Amino acid sequence: MRPIRALATALLLASLVVAGCGGRPSDQRTSPQSEQPAATTPPAITAGGATNSEPVVLADGRHPVRLKTIDPARRAVTFDLIQFYQDDQATTEAAKDHQESPPPNDYYIRNVNPRLRTLPVLADATITANQVAGSNQDVPVTLSKLAALTRERSPVFWITVRHEQVSKISEQWLP
């Protein structure tokens, strides 16, 4: 009886190993690597028929960032993607990081990845600033003006991305 049990156990283990090594990629589960996963696009067909499977710099949508460089001549911004929380969510997230909770002024910023990203800014992009422009209200500014206002430091900005281009940049007012 003992050899049969050993054989059955070996077969069971072998079948588990084989099942875990094969199969379709969609059948295999993966664990998330960060709270800010890199977005990807399906391979694109280029004019020569080759495929291009480079990852998207940032998925479409609205994202909190710190601007690092602004190049008005190229109409491009380089930024550091951050996580921005307010009110009760700020309290919860600050506590998770063992920081002061509730955080001062009811907001909390987390930067889990120092990777810098660069995207083009549309010619008709809406750009507003408030505190860096010396105002408590959103003030429309040009990309050149924003570059001058953020030369020393960047507060939190929200960028809206559509098809790998920035269509809106707006400063987050902070107390």
N, C-alpha and C. Protein backbone atom coordinates (compact mmCIF):
# COMPACT_ATOMS: atom_id res chain seq x y z
N MET A 1 0.82 -1.19 0.00
CA MET A 1 0.00 0.00 0.00
C MET A 1 0.87 1.26 0.00
N ARG A 2 1.98 1.20 0.72
CA ARG A 2 2.85 2.36 0.82
C ARG A 2 3.41 2.79 -0.53
N PRO A 3 3.89 1.88 -1.43
CA PRO A 3 4.40 2.31 -2.74
C PRO A 3 3.31 2.97 -3.58
N ILE A 4 2.07 2.54 -3.46
CA ILE A 4 0.99 3.16 -4.23
C ILE A 4 0.76 4.59 -3.76
N ARG A 5 0.78 4.81 -2.45
CA ARG A 5 0.60 6.15 -1.91
C ARG A 5 1.73 7.08 -2.37
N ALA A 6 2.97 6.59 -2.35
CA ALA A 6 4.12 7.39 -2.79
C ALA A 6 4.00 7.71 -4.27
N LEU A 7 3.58 6.73 -5.07
CA LEU A 7 3.40 6.95 -6.50
C LEU A 7 2.30 7.96 -6.76
N ALA A 8 1.19 7.84 -6.05
CA ALA A 8 0.07 8.77 -6.23
C ALA A 8 0.49 10.19 -5.84
N THR A 9 1.25 10.33 -4.76
CA THR A 9 1.74 11.65 -4.33
C THR A 9 2.67 12.24 -5.38
N ALA A 10 3.58 11.42 -5.91
CA ALA A 10 4.51 11.90 -6.94
C ALA A 10 3.76 12.34 -8.19
N LEU A 11 2.76 11.57 -8.60
CA LEU A 11 1.96 11.94 -9.78
C LEU A 11 1.19 13.23 -9.55
N LEU A 12 0.64 13.38 -8.36
CA LEU A 12 -0.09 14.60 -8.03
C LEU A 12 0.82 15.81 -8.08
N LEU A 13 2.00 15.72 -7.47
CA LEU A 13 2.96 16.83 -7.50
C LEU A 13 3.41 17.14 -8.92
N ALA A 14 3.68 16.10 -9.71
CA ALA A 14 4.11 16.31 -11.10
C ALA A 14 3.02 17.01 -11.90
N SER A 15 1.77 16.62 -11.69
CA SER A 15 0.68 17.26 -12.44
C SER A 15 0.51 18.72 -12.02
N LEU A 16 0.73 19.01 -10.75
CA LEU A 16 0.64 20.40 -10.31
C LEU A 16 1.75 21.25 -10.92
N VAL A 17 2.96 20.70 -10.98
CA VAL A 17 4.08 21.42 -11.59
C VAL A 17 3.81 21.68 -13.06
N VAL A 18 3.36 20.67 -13.77
CA VAL A 18 3.07 20.81 -15.20
C VAL A 18 1.95 21.82 -15.41
N ALA A 19 0.93 21.79 -14.60
CA ALA A 19 -0.19 22.72 -14.73
C ALA A 19 0.26 24.14 -14.45
N GLY A 20 1.18 24.32 -13.53
CA GLY A 20 1.65 25.66 -13.20
C GLY A 20 2.60 26.22 -14.23
N CYS A 21 3.27 25.37 -15.01
CA CYS A 21 4.26 25.83 -15.98
C CYS A 21 3.68 26.11 -17.35
N GLY A 22 2.53 25.59 -17.64
CA GLY A 22 2.00 25.74 -18.99
C GLY A 22 0.74 26.55 -18.99
N GLY A 23 -0.03 26.33 -20.02
CA GLY A 23 -1.32 27.02 -20.12
C GLY A 23 -1.18 28.35 -20.83
N ARG A 24 -2.32 28.95 -21.05
CA ARG A 24 -2.36 30.25 -21.70
C ARG A 24 -1.98 31.32 -20.70
N PRO A 25 -1.35 32.45 -21.14
CA PRO A 25 -1.01 33.53 -20.22
C PRO A 25 -2.23 34.06 -19.48
N SER A 26 -3.39 34.04 -20.10
CA SER A 26 -4.59 34.55 -19.44
C SER A 26 -5.03 33.66 -18.29
N ASP A 27 -4.57 32.39 -18.29
CA ASP A 27 -4.92 31.46 -17.22
C ASP A 27 -4.03 31.65 -15.99
N GLN A 28 -2.88 32.29 -16.17
CA GLN A 28 -1.94 32.44 -15.07
C GLN A 28 -2.23 33.74 -14.34
N ARG A 29 -2.21 33.66 -13.03
CA ARG A 29 -2.47 34.85 -12.21
C ARG A 29 -1.14 35.51 -11.87
N THR A 30 -1.15 36.83 -11.85
CA THR A 30 0.04 37.57 -11.47
C THR A 30 -0.32 38.49 -10.31
N SER A 31 0.66 38.81 -9.51
CA SER A 31 0.40 39.71 -8.40
C SER A 31 0.78 41.12 -8.80
N PRO A 32 0.05 42.13 -8.32
CA PRO A 32 0.38 43.51 -8.67
C PRO A 32 1.74 43.88 -8.07
N GLN A 33 2.53 44.64 -8.84
CA GLN A 33 3.86 45.01 -8.38
C GLN A 33 3.88 46.36 -7.70
N SER A 34 2.93 47.23 -7.99
CA SER A 34 2.89 48.54 -7.34
C SER A 34 1.48 49.08 -7.44
N GLU A 35 1.26 50.19 -6.78
CA GLU A 35 -0.06 50.81 -6.84
C GLU A 35 -0.22 51.63 -8.12
N GLN A 36 0.86 51.82 -8.86
CA GLN A 36 0.82 52.59 -10.09
C GLN A 36 1.35 51.73 -11.23
N PRO A 37 0.58 50.76 -11.69
CA PRO A 37 1.08 49.88 -12.75
C PRO A 37 1.29 50.65 -14.05
N ALA A 38 2.28 50.23 -14.80
CA ALA A 38 2.52 50.84 -16.10
C ALA A 38 1.44 50.39 -17.06
N ALA A 39 0.87 51.32 -17.77
CA ALA A 39 -0.16 50.98 -18.74
C ALA A 39 0.53 50.48 -20.01
N THR A 40 -0.11 49.56 -20.70
CA THR A 40 0.45 49.08 -21.94
C THR A 40 -0.62 49.11 -23.01
N THR A 41 -0.17 49.11 -24.23
CA THR A 41 -1.10 49.08 -25.35
C THR A 41 -0.82 47.84 -26.16
N PRO A 42 -1.80 47.38 -26.91
CA PRO A 42 -1.52 46.25 -27.79
C PRO A 42 -0.54 46.69 -28.87
N PRO A 43 0.18 45.74 -29.45
CA PRO A 43 1.14 46.11 -30.49
C PRO A 43 0.46 46.90 -31.61
N ALA A 44 1.12 47.96 -32.05
CA ALA A 44 0.60 48.77 -33.14
C ALA A 44 1.35 48.41 -34.42
N ILE A 45 0.65 48.40 -35.52
CA ILE A 45 1.26 48.09 -36.81
C ILE A 45 1.79 49.40 -37.39
N THR A 46 3.08 49.41 -37.72
CA THR A 46 3.69 50.60 -38.30
C THR A 46 3.59 50.53 -39.82
N ALA A 47 4.01 51.60 -40.49
CA ALA A 47 3.89 51.67 -41.95
C ALA A 47 4.62 50.52 -42.64
N GLY A 48 5.74 50.08 -42.10
CA GLY A 48 6.50 49.00 -42.71
C GLY A 48 5.96 47.62 -42.36
N GLY A 49 4.89 47.54 -41.59
CA GLY A 49 4.31 46.26 -41.22
C GLY A 49 4.86 45.70 -39.91
N ALA A 50 5.86 46.36 -39.33
CA ALA A 50 6.43 45.89 -38.06
C ALA A 50 5.50 46.28 -36.92
N THR A 51 5.64 45.60 -35.80
CA THR A 51 4.81 45.95 -34.64
C THR A 51 5.61 46.78 -33.66
N ASN A 52 4.90 47.61 -32.92
CA ASN A 52 5.50 48.45 -31.90
C ASN A 52 4.74 48.17 -30.61
N SER A 53 5.40 47.56 -29.62
CA SER A 53 4.71 47.21 -28.39
C SER A 53 5.27 47.98 -27.19
N GLU A 54 5.76 49.20 -27.42
CA GLU A 54 6.28 50.01 -26.32
C GLU A 54 5.13 50.37 -25.38
N PRO A 55 5.40 50.40 -24.06
CA PRO A 55 4.34 50.73 -23.12
C PRO A 55 3.94 52.19 -23.22
N VAL A 56 2.69 52.45 -22.89
CA VAL A 56 2.19 53.81 -22.85
C VAL A 56 2.84 54.51 -21.66
N VAL A 57 3.23 55.78 -21.82
CA VAL A 57 3.87 56.53 -20.74
C VAL A 57 2.90 56.69 -19.58
N LEU A 58 1.65 57.00 -19.87
CA LEU A 58 0.64 57.18 -18.83
C LEU A 58 -0.73 56.95 -19.44
N ALA A 59 -1.56 56.19 -18.76
CA ALA A 59 -2.90 55.87 -19.26
C ALA A 59 -3.76 57.13 -19.36
N ASP A 60 -4.74 57.08 -20.24
CA ASP A 60 -5.68 58.20 -20.35
C ASP A 60 -6.36 58.43 -19.01
N GLY A 61 -6.58 59.70 -18.69
CA GLY A 61 -7.24 60.05 -17.43
C GLY A 61 -6.55 61.22 -16.76
N ARG A 62 -6.95 61.47 -15.52
CA ARG A 62 -6.45 62.59 -14.73
C ARG A 62 -5.50 62.05 -13.67
N HIS A 63 -4.29 62.64 -13.56
CA HIS A 63 -3.25 62.12 -12.68
C HIS A 63 -2.57 63.25 -11.90
N PRO A 64 -2.27 63.00 -10.60
CA PRO A 64 -1.51 63.98 -9.82
C PRO A 64 -0.01 63.83 -10.11
N VAL A 65 0.67 64.96 -10.31
CA VAL A 65 2.09 64.94 -10.65
C VAL A 65 2.81 66.12 -10.00
N ARG A 66 4.12 66.02 -10.01
CA ARG A 66 4.99 67.16 -9.74
C ARG A 66 5.75 67.39 -11.04
N LEU A 67 5.67 68.60 -11.55
CA LEU A 67 6.34 68.93 -12.81
C LEU A 67 7.83 69.08 -12.54
N LYS A 68 8.65 68.46 -13.37
CA LYS A 68 10.10 68.54 -13.21
C LYS A 68 10.71 69.52 -14.21
N THR A 69 10.36 69.36 -15.47
CA THR A 69 10.82 70.31 -16.49
C THR A 69 9.68 70.57 -17.47
N ILE A 70 9.67 71.77 -17.97
CA ILE A 70 8.69 72.17 -18.98
C ILE A 70 9.48 72.76 -20.14
N ASP A 71 9.28 72.23 -21.31
CA ASP A 71 9.97 72.71 -22.50
C ASP A 71 8.93 73.33 -23.43
N PRO A 72 8.74 74.66 -23.32
CA PRO A 72 7.73 75.31 -24.16
C PRO A 72 8.01 75.21 -25.66
N ALA A 73 9.28 75.20 -26.05
CA ALA A 73 9.62 75.12 -27.47
C ALA A 73 9.18 73.77 -28.06
N ARG A 74 9.39 72.69 -27.33
CA ARG A 74 8.97 71.36 -27.78
C ARG A 74 7.54 71.04 -27.38
N ARG A 75 6.93 71.91 -26.55
CA ARG A 75 5.60 71.68 -25.98
C ARG A 75 5.55 70.32 -25.29
N ALA A 76 6.48 70.15 -24.33
CA ALA A 76 6.56 68.89 -23.60
C ALA A 76 6.76 69.16 -22.11
N VAL A 77 6.25 68.24 -21.29
CA VAL A 77 6.46 68.32 -19.85
C VAL A 77 7.04 67.00 -19.36
N THR A 78 7.97 67.11 -18.43
CA THR A 78 8.52 65.95 -17.75
C THR A 78 8.02 66.04 -16.32
N PHE A 79 7.52 64.93 -15.80
CA PHE A 79 6.86 64.96 -14.49
C PHE A 79 7.12 63.69 -13.71
N ASP A 80 6.88 63.80 -12.41
CA ASP A 80 6.97 62.67 -11.49
C ASP A 80 5.54 62.36 -11.05
N LEU A 81 5.06 61.17 -11.37
CA LEU A 81 3.71 60.74 -11.00
C LEU A 81 3.69 60.46 -9.50
N ILE A 82 2.70 61.01 -8.80
CA ILE A 82 2.59 60.82 -7.35
C ILE A 82 1.20 60.28 -7.02
N GLN A 83 0.99 60.02 -5.74
CA GLN A 83 -0.35 59.68 -5.25
C GLN A 83 -0.76 60.81 -4.30
N PHE A 84 -1.95 61.33 -4.50
CA PHE A 84 -2.45 62.46 -3.72
C PHE A 84 -3.77 62.07 -3.07
N TYR A 85 -3.84 62.24 -1.74
CA TYR A 85 -5.04 61.87 -0.99
C TYR A 85 -5.51 63.07 -0.17
N GLN A 86 -6.82 63.17 0.00
CA GLN A 86 -7.41 64.25 0.80
C GLN A 86 -8.37 63.68 1.82
N ASP A 87 -8.59 64.46 2.89
CA ASP A 87 -9.59 64.18 3.91
C ASP A 87 -9.41 62.81 4.55
N ASP A 88 -10.49 62.03 4.68
CA ASP A 88 -10.42 60.73 5.37
C ASP A 88 -9.44 59.77 4.69
N GLN A 89 -9.40 59.83 3.38
CA GLN A 89 -8.48 58.94 2.66
C GLN A 89 -7.03 59.32 2.97
N ALA A 90 -6.75 60.61 3.14
CA ALA A 90 -5.40 61.05 3.51
C ALA A 90 -5.01 60.50 4.88
N THR A 91 -5.96 60.52 5.81
CA THR A 91 -5.72 59.98 7.15
C THR A 91 -5.39 58.49 7.08
N THR A 92 -6.17 57.76 6.32
CA THR A 92 -5.97 56.31 6.18
C THR A 92 -4.62 56.01 5.54
N GLU A 93 -4.29 56.68 4.45
CA GLU A 93 -3.04 56.39 3.73
C GLU A 93 -1.82 56.83 4.52
N ALA A 94 -1.89 57.94 5.23
CA ALA A 94 -0.77 58.38 6.06
C ALA A 94 -0.52 57.37 7.18
N ALA A 95 -1.58 56.86 7.76
CA ALA A 95 -1.45 55.86 8.83
C ALA A 95 -0.79 54.59 8.29
N LYS A 96 -1.15 54.18 7.07
CA LYS A 96 -0.54 52.99 6.46
C LYS A 96 0.98 53.15 6.34
N ASP A 97 1.42 54.39 6.09
CA ASP A 97 2.85 54.68 5.91
C ASP A 97 3.52 55.06 7.22
N HIS A 98 2.80 54.96 8.33
CA HIS A 98 3.31 55.31 9.66
C HIS A 98 3.74 56.77 9.73
N GLN A 99 2.96 57.63 9.08
CA GLN A 99 3.19 59.07 9.11
C GLN A 99 2.14 59.72 10.00
N GLU A 100 2.30 61.00 10.25
CA GLU A 100 1.35 61.72 11.08
C GLU A 100 -0.06 61.55 10.53
N SER A 101 -0.97 61.11 11.40
CA SER A 101 -2.32 60.82 10.96
C SER A 101 -3.31 61.29 12.01
N PRO A 102 -4.23 62.18 11.70
CA PRO A 102 -4.45 62.76 10.37
C PRO A 102 -3.31 63.69 9.98
N PRO A 103 -3.03 63.78 8.68
CA PRO A 103 -1.93 64.61 8.22
C PRO A 103 -2.29 66.09 8.30
N PRO A 104 -1.29 66.96 8.40
CA PRO A 104 -1.55 68.41 8.42
C PRO A 104 -2.33 68.83 7.18
N ASN A 105 -3.27 69.70 7.36
CA ASN A 105 -4.08 70.28 6.27
C ASN A 105 -4.90 69.25 5.49
N ASP A 106 -5.09 68.07 6.07
CA ASP A 106 -5.97 67.04 5.49
C ASP A 106 -5.60 66.59 4.09
N TYR A 107 -4.32 66.61 3.75
CA TYR A 107 -3.89 65.98 2.50
C TYR A 107 -2.59 65.23 2.75
N TYR A 108 -2.37 64.20 1.93
CA TYR A 108 -1.19 63.37 2.07
C TYR A 108 -0.70 63.01 0.67
N ILE A 109 0.62 63.13 0.48
CA ILE A 109 1.24 62.83 -0.81
C ILE A 109 2.20 61.66 -0.63
N ARG A 110 2.07 60.69 -1.52
CA ARG A 110 2.97 59.54 -1.51
C ARG A 110 3.63 59.47 -2.89
N ASN A 111 4.93 59.19 -2.89
CA ASN A 111 5.65 59.01 -4.14
C ASN A 111 6.34 57.66 -4.07
N VAL A 112 5.76 56.66 -4.71
CA VAL A 112 6.28 55.30 -4.63
C VAL A 112 7.30 54.99 -5.73
N ASN A 113 7.46 55.89 -6.68
CA ASN A 113 8.33 55.61 -7.81
C ASN A 113 8.93 56.91 -8.31
N PRO A 114 10.25 57.06 -8.30
CA PRO A 114 10.87 58.31 -8.76
C PRO A 114 10.99 58.42 -10.28
N ARG A 115 10.45 57.46 -11.01
CA ARG A 115 10.56 57.47 -12.48
C ARG A 115 9.96 58.75 -13.06
N LEU A 116 10.70 59.39 -13.93
CA LEU A 116 10.20 60.59 -14.61
C LEU A 116 9.64 60.18 -15.96
N ARG A 117 8.56 60.84 -16.35
CA ARG A 117 7.89 60.57 -17.62
C ARG A 117 7.80 61.88 -18.39
N THR A 118 7.82 61.81 -19.70
CA THR A 118 7.70 62.99 -20.55
C THR A 118 6.58 62.77 -21.56
N LEU A 119 5.73 63.78 -21.69
CA LEU A 119 4.63 63.72 -22.66
C LEU A 119 4.52 65.07 -23.38
N PRO A 120 4.05 65.05 -24.62
CA PRO A 120 3.79 66.30 -25.32
C PRO A 120 2.52 66.96 -24.78
N VAL A 121 2.49 68.28 -24.87
CA VAL A 121 1.32 69.07 -24.45
C VAL A 121 0.62 69.58 -25.70
N LEU A 122 -0.67 69.32 -25.82
CA LEU A 122 -1.42 69.79 -26.98
C LEU A 122 -1.38 71.31 -27.09
N ALA A 123 -1.41 71.81 -28.31
CA ALA A 123 -1.36 73.26 -28.54
C ALA A 123 -2.55 73.96 -27.89
N ASP A 124 -3.71 73.30 -27.84
CA ASP A 124 -4.90 73.93 -27.25
C ASP A 124 -5.19 73.45 -25.83
N ALA A 125 -4.15 72.91 -25.16
CA ALA A 125 -4.33 72.42 -23.79
C ALA A 125 -4.71 73.57 -22.86
N THR A 126 -5.62 73.29 -21.92
CA THR A 126 -6.00 74.25 -20.89
C THR A 126 -4.96 74.16 -19.78
N ILE A 127 -4.36 75.30 -19.42
CA ILE A 127 -3.34 75.33 -18.38
C ILE A 127 -3.73 76.41 -17.36
N THR A 128 -3.84 75.99 -16.08
CA THR A 128 -4.17 76.95 -15.02
C THR A 128 -3.23 76.77 -13.85
N ALA A 129 -2.99 77.86 -13.16
CA ALA A 129 -2.18 77.87 -11.95
C ALA A 129 -2.92 78.72 -10.93
N ASN A 130 -2.59 78.58 -9.67
CA ASN A 130 -3.19 79.45 -8.66
C ASN A 130 -2.09 79.97 -7.74
N GLN A 131 -1.64 79.20 -6.78
CA GLN A 131 -0.67 79.71 -5.81
C GLN A 131 0.65 80.10 -6.44
N VAL A 132 1.18 79.32 -7.40
CA VAL A 132 2.44 79.72 -8.03
C VAL A 132 2.26 81.00 -8.85
N ALA A 133 1.02 81.30 -9.22
CA ALA A 133 0.72 82.53 -9.97
C ALA A 133 0.35 83.66 -9.01
N GLY A 134 0.43 83.42 -7.70
CA GLY A 134 0.12 84.46 -6.72
C GLY A 134 -1.36 84.70 -6.54
N SER A 135 -2.18 83.68 -6.72
CA SER A 135 -3.62 83.83 -6.63
C SER A 135 -4.24 82.68 -5.84
N ASN A 136 -5.42 82.92 -5.31
CA ASN A 136 -6.19 81.84 -4.68
C ASN A 136 -7.21 81.26 -5.65
N GLN A 137 -7.26 81.80 -6.84
CA GLN A 137 -8.17 81.35 -7.89
C GLN A 137 -7.34 80.78 -9.04
N ASP A 138 -7.93 79.87 -9.82
CA ASP A 138 -7.25 79.36 -11.00
C ASP A 138 -7.11 80.47 -12.03
N VAL A 139 -5.88 80.64 -12.52
CA VAL A 139 -5.57 81.68 -13.50
C VAL A 139 -5.04 80.99 -14.75
N PRO A 140 -5.61 81.29 -15.92
CA PRO A 140 -5.07 80.69 -17.15
C PRO A 140 -3.65 81.21 -17.41
N VAL A 141 -2.75 80.30 -17.77
CA VAL A 141 -1.37 80.68 -18.09
C VAL A 141 -0.93 79.92 -19.34
N THR A 142 0.10 80.42 -19.96
CA THR A 142 0.69 79.72 -21.10
C THR A 142 1.69 78.68 -20.59
N LEU A 143 2.11 77.81 -21.45
CA LEU A 143 3.11 76.82 -21.07
C LEU A 143 4.43 77.51 -20.71
N SER A 144 4.78 78.57 -21.43
CA SER A 144 6.00 79.33 -21.13
C SER A 144 5.92 79.97 -19.75
N LYS A 145 4.78 80.54 -19.43
CA LYS A 145 4.58 81.16 -18.12
C LYS A 145 4.65 80.11 -17.02
N LEU A 146 4.03 78.96 -17.24
CA LEU A 146 4.07 77.88 -16.26
C LEU A 146 5.51 77.42 -16.02
N ALA A 147 6.30 77.36 -17.09
CA ALA A 147 7.71 76.98 -16.96
C ALA A 147 8.44 77.96 -16.05
N ALA A 148 8.17 79.25 -16.22
CA ALA A 148 8.82 80.27 -15.38
C ALA A 148 8.34 80.19 -13.93
N LEU A 149 7.05 79.92 -13.74
CA LEU A 149 6.48 79.87 -12.38
C LEU A 149 6.95 78.66 -11.59
N THR A 150 7.28 77.59 -12.27
CA THR A 150 7.66 76.35 -11.57
C THR A 150 9.16 76.06 -11.66
N ARG A 151 9.93 77.05 -12.04
CA ARG A 151 11.37 76.84 -12.21
C ARG A 151 12.03 76.40 -10.89
N GLU A 152 11.63 76.99 -9.78
CA GLU A 152 12.25 76.68 -8.48
C GLU A 152 11.70 75.39 -7.87
N ARG A 153 10.40 75.19 -7.95
CA ARG A 153 9.76 74.02 -7.35
C ARG A 153 8.40 73.82 -7.99
N SER A 154 7.91 72.60 -7.87
CA SER A 154 6.59 72.31 -8.41
C SER A 154 5.67 71.86 -7.28
N PRO A 155 4.57 72.56 -7.12
CA PRO A 155 3.54 72.03 -6.22
C PRO A 155 2.84 70.86 -6.95
N VAL A 156 1.76 70.40 -6.39
CA VAL A 156 1.00 69.32 -7.03
C VAL A 156 0.19 69.90 -8.19
N PHE A 157 0.28 69.24 -9.33
CA PHE A 157 -0.54 69.57 -10.49
C PHE A 157 -1.31 68.33 -10.87
N TRP A 158 -2.42 68.54 -11.54
CA TRP A 158 -3.19 67.45 -12.13
C TRP A 158 -3.05 67.59 -13.63
N ILE A 159 -2.66 66.49 -14.29
CA ILE A 159 -2.62 66.52 -15.75
C ILE A 159 -3.67 65.55 -16.27
N THR A 160 -4.29 65.94 -17.36
CA THR A 160 -5.25 65.08 -18.03
C THR A 160 -4.59 64.59 -19.31
N VAL A 161 -4.56 63.28 -19.47
CA VAL A 161 -3.89 62.66 -20.61
C VAL A 161 -4.94 62.03 -21.52
N ARG A 162 -4.81 62.31 -22.81
CA ARG A 162 -5.65 61.70 -23.83
C ARG A 162 -4.75 61.27 -24.97
N HIS A 163 -4.74 59.99 -25.25
CA HIS A 163 -3.96 59.43 -26.36
C HIS A 163 -2.48 59.86 -26.27
N GLU A 164 -1.91 59.69 -25.09
CA GLU A 164 -0.49 59.96 -24.84
C GLU A 164 -0.10 61.42 -25.05
N GLN A 165 -1.07 62.33 -24.86
CA GLN A 165 -0.79 63.77 -24.94
C GLN A 165 -1.51 64.45 -23.77
N VAL A 166 -0.89 65.49 -23.24
CA VAL A 166 -1.49 66.24 -22.14
C VAL A 166 -2.47 67.25 -22.72
N SER A 167 -3.73 67.15 -22.27
CA SER A 167 -4.76 68.07 -22.76
C SER A 167 -5.13 69.12 -21.72
N LYS A 168 -4.70 68.91 -20.46
CA LYS A 168 -5.01 69.87 -19.40
C LYS A 168 -3.97 69.76 -18.30
N ILE A 169 -3.56 70.91 -17.76
CA ILE A 169 -2.67 70.99 -16.61
C ILE A 169 -3.29 71.98 -15.64
N SER A 170 -3.51 71.55 -14.40
CA SER A 170 -4.09 72.47 -13.42
C SER A 170 -3.44 72.25 -12.05
N GLU A 171 -3.10 73.35 -11.42
CA GLU A 171 -2.47 73.30 -10.10
C GLU A 171 -3.50 72.93 -9.04
N GLN A 172 -3.12 72.06 -8.11
CA GLN A 172 -3.95 71.70 -6.96
C GLN A 172 -3.75 72.77 -5.90
N TRP A 173 -4.81 73.45 -5.51
CA TRP A 173 -4.67 74.45 -4.44
C TRP A 173 -4.51 73.71 -3.13
N LEU A 174 -3.49 74.11 -2.38
CA LEU A 174 -3.23 73.51 -1.08
C LEU A 174 -3.14 74.59 -0.01
N PRO A 175 -3.71 74.32 1.16
CA PRO A 175 -3.64 75.32 2.24
C PRO A 175 -2.21 75.47 2.77
